[in-house]
Protein backbone atom coordinates (compact mmCIF):
# COMPACT_ATOMS: atom_id res chain seq x y z
CA UNK A 1 4.91 -4.47 2.98
CA UNK A 2 4.10 -0.96 4.21
CA UNK A 3 5.31 2.10 2.32
CA UNK A 4 5.82 4.13 5.50
CA UNK A 5 7.32 3.63 8.92
CA UNK A 6 5.61 3.48 12.27
CA UNK A 7 7.58 6.58 13.26
CA UNK A 8 6.08 8.47 10.29
CA UNK A 9 2.57 7.35 11.23
CA UNK A 10 3.07 8.30 14.88
CA UNK A 11 4.31 11.72 13.75
CA UNK A 12 1.22 12.18 11.54
CA UNK A 13 -0.98 11.22 14.48
CA UNK A 14 0.96 13.59 16.73
CA UNK A 15 1.64 10.82 19.23
CA UNK A 16 4.79 9.21 20.55
CA UNK A 17 5.64 5.76 19.27
CA UNK A 18 5.99 3.39 22.19
CA UNK A 19 6.54 -0.30 22.75
CA UNK A 20 2.83 -0.53 23.63
CA UNK A 21 1.49 1.08 20.44
CA UNK A 22 4.13 0.01 17.90
CA UNK A 23 2.31 -3.17 16.82
CA UNK A 24 -0.97 -1.28 16.37
CA UNK A 25 0.75 1.42 14.32
CA UNK A 26 2.29 -1.28 12.11
CA UNK A 27 -1.07 -3.04 11.71
CA UNK A 28 -2.66 0.21 10.49
CA UNK A 29 0.14 0.71 7.96
CA UNK A 30 -0.06 -2.90 6.81
CA UNK A 31 -3.84 -2.68 6.31
CA UNK A 32 -3.38 0.51 4.31
CA UNK A 33 -0.61 -1.10 2.23
CA UNK A 34 -2.89 -4.02 1.36
CA UNK A 35 -5.49 -1.54 0.10
CA UNK A 36 -2.82 0.27 -1.90
CA UNK A 37 -1.60 -2.97 -3.48
CA UNK A 38 -5.17 -3.93 -4.31
CA UNK A 39 -5.82 -0.53 -5.93
CA UNK A 40 -2.70 -1.03 -8.01
CA UNK A 41 -3.88 -4.54 -8.92
CA UNK A 42 -0.96 -5.86 -6.88
CA UNK A 43 1.48 -4.57 -9.49
CA UNK A 44 4.98 -4.76 -8.09
CA UNK A 45 6.24 -1.41 -6.89
CA UNK A 46 9.96 -1.58 -7.44
CA UNK A 47 10.85 1.69 -5.75
CA UNK A 48 8.60 3.09 -3.03
CA UNK A 49 7.96 6.75 -3.66
CA UNK A 50 6.53 9.84 -2.02
CA UNK A 51 3.00 9.22 -3.32
CA UNK A 52 2.87 5.69 -1.90
CA UNK A 53 4.32 6.96 1.36
CA UNK A 54 1.75 9.74 1.75
CA UNK A 55 -1.23 7.52 0.85
CA UNK A 56 0.01 4.85 3.27
CA UNK A 57 0.29 7.40 6.07
CA UNK A 58 -3.05 9.08 5.33
CA UNK A 59 -4.88 5.77 5.22
CA UNK A 60 -2.96 4.57 8.27
CA UNK A 61 -4.26 7.61 10.16
CA UNK A 62 -7.81 6.71 9.14
CA UNK A 63 -7.33 3.10 10.29
CA UNK A 64 -5.91 4.32 13.64
CA UNK A 65 -8.79 6.72 14.23
CA UNK A 66 -11.36 4.10 13.22
CA UNK A 67 -10.75 2.51 16.62
CA UNK A 68 -12.32 5.56 18.25
CA UNK A 69 -15.28 5.71 15.90
CA UNK A 70 -16.50 2.14 15.60
CA UNK A 71 -20.02 2.10 14.21
CA UNK A 72 -19.99 5.90 13.86
CA UNK A 73 -19.83 6.74 17.56
CA UNK A 74 -16.77 8.81 18.43
CA UNK A 75 -15.17 8.20 21.81
CA UNK A 76 -16.06 10.88 24.33
CA UNK A 77 -19.33 11.87 22.69
CA UNK A 78 -19.89 14.34 19.89
CA UNK A 79 -21.50 14.01 16.51
CA UNK A 80 -21.37 10.56 14.88
CA UNK A 81 -18.85 10.11 12.10
CA UNK A 82 -20.32 9.22 8.75
CA UNK A 83 -18.55 6.40 6.98
CA UNK A 84 -18.53 6.72 3.18
CA UNK A 85 -19.47 3.62 1.15
CA UNK A 86 -15.83 3.17 0.16
CA UNK A 87 -13.57 5.01 2.52
CA UNK A 88 -10.49 4.18 0.44
CA UNK A 89 -11.93 5.43 -2.87
CA UNK A 90 -10.57 8.96 -2.56
CA UNK A 91 -7.06 7.67 -1.84
CA UNK A 92 -7.29 5.01 -4.52
CA UNK A 93 -7.86 7.72 -7.11
CA UNK A 94 -4.69 9.40 -5.88
CA UNK A 95 -2.73 6.30 -6.93
CA UNK A 96 -3.80 6.54 -10.60
CA UNK A 97 -0.41 7.86 -11.80
CA UNK A 98 1.19 4.65 -10.56
CA UNK A 99 -1.18 2.28 -12.38
CA UNK A 100 0.13 0.59 -15.50
CA UNK A 101 -3.02 -1.38 -16.36
CA UNK A 102 -6.70 -0.65 -16.06
CA UNK A 103 -9.81 -2.82 -15.86
CA UNK A 104 -10.68 -2.81 -19.57
CA UNK A 105 -8.55 -5.12 -21.68
């Protein structure tokens, strides 16, 4: 389950939400939410909060824009985008305050 709405993602992208793009906006949020849940070791988040919302939107923006930069080639020309080895790593670190367990037991 996403931690943000399609309206919030459309606002962050500075686009209008339409019937035509609503499913794609939701898919980007859902993909981001799966990464968030994985970073939190799928710990149940009882109450969604501002941190989850912001990370979901930020990562959703990245997923949306990835369509225009497949294989590093931005649409319309320009310099290629460099994809970091783990594009979610920076946002995953942001979620640390919400983690209750860590890898070492």
